[in-house]
Protein backbone atom coordinates (compact mmCIF):
# COMPACT_ATOMS: atom_id res chain seq x y z
CA UNK A 1 10.01 -79.00 -69.82
CA UNK A 2 13.33 -80.04 -68.31
CA UNK A 3 16.36 -79.67 -70.48
CA UNK A 4 19.09 -82.24 -70.15
CA UNK A 5 22.59 -80.86 -70.54
CA UNK A 6 25.31 -83.35 -71.28
CA UNK A 7 28.76 -82.38 -70.09
CA UNK A 8 31.99 -83.71 -71.50
CA UNK A 9 33.44 -86.71 -69.61
CA UNK A 10 36.33 -84.74 -68.01
CA UNK A 11 33.85 -82.19 -66.69
CA UNK A 12 31.71 -84.99 -65.17
CA UNK A 13 34.74 -86.36 -63.34
CA UNK A 14 35.64 -82.88 -62.09
CA UNK A 15 32.15 -82.29 -60.66
CA UNK A 16 32.17 -85.68 -58.96
CA UNK A 17 35.48 -84.82 -57.29
CA UNK A 18 34.14 -81.47 -56.10
CA UNK A 19 31.04 -83.08 -54.60
CA UNK A 20 33.10 -85.84 -52.92
CA UNK A 21 35.49 -83.31 -51.37
CA UNK A 22 32.60 -81.21 -50.09
CA UNK A 23 31.00 -84.23 -48.41
CA UNK A 24 34.33 -85.25 -46.88
CA UNK A 25 34.98 -81.75 -45.52
CA UNK A 26 31.49 -81.58 -44.04
CA UNK A 27 32.08 -84.86 -42.25
CA UNK A 28 35.43 -83.71 -40.91
CA UNK A 29 33.89 -80.50 -39.65
CA UNK A 30 31.59 -82.30 -37.24
CA UNK A 31 33.04 -82.35 -33.75
CA UNK A 32 32.86 -85.71 -32.04
CA UNK A 33 31.16 -85.65 -28.66
CA UNK A 34 32.02 -88.18 -25.99
CA UNK A 35 28.83 -89.88 -24.91
CA UNK A 36 28.37 -91.06 -21.35
CA UNK A 37 28.11 -94.85 -21.26
CA UNK A 38 27.23 -97.21 -18.43
CA UNK A 39 30.34 -97.52 -16.29
CA UNK A 40 31.25 -100.95 -14.94
CA UNK A 41 30.13 -101.50 -11.36
CA UNK A 42 32.94 -101.15 -8.82
CA UNK A 43 34.28 -104.54 -7.79
CA UNK A 44 33.43 -105.74 -4.31
CA UNK A 45 36.55 -105.71 -2.15
CA UNK A 46 38.15 -102.71 -3.91
CA UNK A 47 39.91 -100.56 -1.32
CA UNK A 48 41.16 -96.98 -1.08
CA UNK A 49 43.03 -95.14 1.66
CA UNK A 50 43.05 -91.47 2.43
CA UNK A 51 41.51 -88.82 4.62
CA UNK A 52 37.83 -88.85 5.60
CA UNK A 53 35.94 -85.80 6.80
CA UNK A 54 32.29 -85.24 7.68
CA UNK A 55 29.62 -82.69 6.83
CA UNK A 56 26.36 -81.59 8.40
CA UNK A 57 24.89 -78.08 8.37
CA UNK A 58 24.20 -76.21 6.13
CA UNK A 59 23.77 -79.21 3.80
CA UNK A 60 21.37 -81.07 6.10
CA UNK A 61 17.90 -81.03 4.53
CA UNK A 62 19.16 -80.09 1.07
CA UNK A 63 19.17 -82.27 -2.04
CA UNK A 64 22.28 -84.43 -2.41
CA UNK A 65 23.84 -84.96 -5.84
CA UNK A 66 21.63 -88.00 -6.55
CA UNK A 67 18.47 -86.03 -5.71
CA UNK A 68 17.89 -87.62 -2.30
CA UNK A 69 17.41 -85.20 0.60
CA UNK A 70 20.57 -85.32 2.70
CA UNK A 71 19.90 -86.35 6.30
CA UNK A 72 23.08 -86.07 8.35
CA UNK A 73 21.72 -88.60 10.86
CA UNK A 74 21.56 -91.38 8.24
CA UNK A 75 24.54 -93.59 7.37
CA UNK A 76 25.34 -91.98 4.02
CA UNK A 77 28.37 -90.35 2.45
CA UNK A 78 29.82 -88.43 -0.49
CA UNK A 79 32.52 -89.75 -2.83
CA UNK A 80 34.07 -88.15 -5.92
CA UNK A 81 33.85 -91.06 -8.38
CA UNK A 82 31.90 -94.07 -7.02
CA UNK A 83 28.41 -94.60 -8.49
CA UNK A 84 25.46 -93.55 -6.40
CA UNK A 85 24.07 -96.29 -4.14
CA UNK A 86 27.45 -98.00 -3.82
CA UNK A 87 27.83 -99.48 -0.32
CA UNK A 88 31.24 -98.98 1.32
CA UNK A 89 32.74 -99.93 4.67
CA UNK A 90 34.83 -97.17 6.25
CA UNK A 91 37.51 -98.14 8.76
CA UNK A 92 39.14 -95.55 10.99
CA UNK A 93 42.82 -96.50 10.90
CA UNK A 94 43.48 -94.91 14.28
CA UNK A 95 41.03 -97.06 16.26
CA UNK A 96 39.92 -99.83 13.84
CA UNK A 97 36.23 -98.87 14.19
CA UNK A 98 34.08 -99.37 11.10
CA UNK A 99 30.81 -98.10 9.66
CA UNK A 100 28.90 -99.03 6.49
CA UNK A 101 27.58 -96.16 4.39
CA UNK A 102 25.72 -95.59 1.13
CA UNK A 103 27.06 -93.12 -1.46
CA UNK A 104 24.47 -90.46 -2.34
CA UNK A 105 26.52 -87.31 -2.85
CA UNK A 106 29.68 -85.91 -4.47
CA UNK A 107 32.72 -84.71 -2.57
CA UNK A 108 34.90 -83.98 -0.72
CA UNK A 109 36.36 -81.41 -3.09
CA UNK A 110 39.70 -81.09 -1.32
CA UNK A 111 42.87 -82.81 -2.54
CA UNK A 112 43.83 -85.79 -0.38
CA UNK A 113 40.37 -86.40 1.07
CA UNK A 114 38.52 -89.42 -0.30
CA UNK A 115 35.13 -89.48 1.46
CA UNK A 116 32.77 -87.11 3.27
CA UNK A 117 30.74 -88.89 5.95
CA UNK A 118 27.43 -87.90 7.43
CA UNK A 119 27.37 -86.81 11.07
CA UNK A 120 25.93 -90.18 12.10
CA UNK A 121 28.59 -92.16 10.22
CA UNK A 122 31.44 -90.03 11.58
CA UNK A 123 30.10 -90.52 15.11
CA UNK A 124 30.20 -94.31 14.67
CA UNK A 125 33.98 -94.26 14.13
CA UNK A 126 34.85 -91.40 16.51
CA UNK A 127 35.58 -88.85 13.81
CA UNK A 128 33.41 -86.01 15.14
CA UNK A 129 35.99 -84.51 17.51
CA UNK A 130 39.00 -84.29 15.19
CA UNK A 131 36.82 -83.62 12.15
CA UNK A 132 38.93 -85.75 9.83
CA UNK A 133 41.21 -88.76 9.95
CA UNK A 134 42.97 -91.50 7.99
CA UNK A 135 40.60 -94.24 6.83
CA UNK A 136 40.38 -97.21 4.54
CA UNK A 137 37.23 -97.64 2.49
CA UNK A 138 36.18 -100.98 1.00
CA UNK A 139 33.44 -101.52 -1.57
CA UNK A 140 30.99 -104.06 -0.11
CA UNK A 141 28.07 -103.62 -2.50
CA UNK A 142 27.62 -102.11 -5.95
CA UNK A 143 24.43 -100.80 -7.59
CA UNK A 144 22.83 -103.19 -10.07
CA UNK A 145 22.72 -100.58 -12.84
CA UNK A 146 25.37 -97.88 -12.37
CA UNK A 147 24.40 -94.57 -13.94
CA UNK A 148 26.17 -93.50 -17.15
CA UNK A 149 29.31 -91.56 -16.41
CA UNK A 150 32.07 -89.43 -17.79
CA UNK A 151 35.01 -88.16 -15.78
CA UNK A 152 36.64 -84.76 -15.53
CA UNK A 153 39.32 -82.93 -13.57
CA UNK A 154 38.44 -80.32 -10.97
CA UNK A 155 41.01 -77.54 -11.29
CA UNK A 156 39.62 -75.15 -8.71
CA UNK A 157 36.62 -73.65 -6.94
CA UNK A 158 35.68 -69.97 -7.03
CA UNK A 159 33.40 -67.76 -4.95
CA UNK A 160 33.37 -65.03 -7.63
CA UNK A 161 31.53 -65.96 -10.86
CA UNK A 162 33.73 -63.80 -13.15
CA UNK A 163 36.83 -65.63 -11.88
CA UNK A 164 35.12 -68.97 -12.51
CA UNK A 165 34.16 -67.86 -16.03
CA UNK A 166 37.75 -66.92 -16.86
CA UNK A 167 39.05 -70.26 -15.56
CA UNK A 168 36.41 -72.13 -17.55
CA UNK A 169 37.37 -70.38 -20.79
CA UNK A 170 41.06 -71.06 -20.14
CA UNK A 171 40.37 -74.78 -19.71
CA UNK A 172 38.19 -74.92 -22.83
CA UNK A 173 40.92 -73.29 -24.89
CA UNK A 174 43.59 -75.65 -23.52
CA UNK A 175 41.73 -78.97 -23.29
CA UNK A 176 38.61 -78.66 -25.47
CA UNK A 177 35.96 -79.02 -22.77
CA UNK A 178 35.17 -77.54 -19.37
CA UNK A 179 32.14 -76.61 -17.33
CA UNK A 180 31.30 -74.62 -14.23
CA UNK A 181 29.22 -76.49 -11.64
CA UNK A 182 27.48 -74.49 -8.92
CA UNK A 183 27.64 -75.85 -5.38
CA UNK A 184 24.87 -74.06 -3.54
CA UNK A 185 25.32 -72.85 0.01
CA UNK A 186 25.36 -69.77 2.17
CA UNK A 187 28.36 -68.78 0.04
CA UNK A 188 27.86 -70.35 -3.42
CA UNK A 189 30.97 -71.85 -5.04
CA UNK A 190 31.57 -72.56 -8.73
CA UNK A 191 33.68 -75.66 -9.33
CA UNK A 192 35.55 -75.73 -12.66
CA UNK A 193 35.72 -79.18 -14.25
CA UNK A 194 37.98 -79.70 -17.27
CA UNK A 195 37.72 -82.49 -19.85
CA UNK A 196 35.20 -85.23 -20.64
CA UNK A 197 36.91 -88.61 -20.34
CA UNK A 198 35.33 -92.06 -20.56
CA UNK A 199 37.28 -93.61 -17.68
CA UNK A 200 38.90 -92.54 -14.39
CA UNK A 201 42.27 -93.64 -15.78
CA UNK A 202 42.00 -91.33 -18.80
CA UNK A 203 40.90 -88.50 -16.52
CA UNK A 204 43.93 -89.09 -14.28
CA UNK A 205 46.20 -88.75 -17.33
CA UNK A 206 44.54 -85.40 -18.04
CA UNK A 207 44.90 -84.41 -14.37
CA UNK A 208 48.64 -85.01 -14.55
CA UNK A 209 48.85 -82.81 -17.66
CA UNK A 210 46.89 -80.04 -15.98
CA UNK A 211 49.00 -80.20 -12.82
CA UNK A 212 52.15 -79.87 -14.93
CA UNK A 213 50.98 -77.42 -17.61
CA UNK A 214 48.67 -75.16 -15.61
CA UNK A 215 50.57 -75.32 -12.29
CA UNK A 216 47.44 -76.56 -10.52
CA UNK A 217 48.79 -79.00 -7.89
CA UNK A 218 45.30 -79.52 -6.41
CA UNK A 219 43.72 -80.82 -9.64
CA UNK A 220 41.92 -84.15 -9.10
CA UNK A 221 39.52 -86.51 -10.86
CA UNK A 222 35.74 -86.28 -10.35
CA UNK A 223 32.72 -88.00 -11.87
CA UNK A 224 30.44 -86.11 -14.26
CA UNK A 225 26.95 -87.28 -13.34
CA UNK A 226 24.10 -87.15 -15.90
């Protein structure tokens, strides 16, 4: 049979306090994780200026970041933050030629460059010879249902995995989150992405901190795809 033990009133209050504190501490101990949410579609007419480059081999025939097989003779491109399937018009500022492309990939991962065009797209605006040039890109069509997204800051790219691992741990210790993302190729490269922010603006604030605190002048914002 179960025995009921009655405790004095002060002891009851004490036990209740202990239980309440334990529950509160358990709740505080849980680390909040930022969940990727549907990002608003980019507004039609939004513009950006910077340097465009183009890419072909060895990426031709390989899976792009959205899973589509990259065909360098299609009018497609890579962008660091725009949702996949966004349609943009690229205007070469040196000759006013334009081409419309669809975003299927991520890049370019070099500070100052804003878009990586396919061979076909670069040919349309006479960018093949010089390899890069100043352009203006304009959003002309957004996907109906942009994929969920978080944003991070790329602080560097490493050919040696141990160097990438050390950089990743440094960023985790300093900013709470970081990940290494492998970019396959003849010479694989590990990109180190710090932070998990819910908007490009918040990620840019973090980028400024990293540039100042870690002396990483090339740090820039990228999209974390699902």
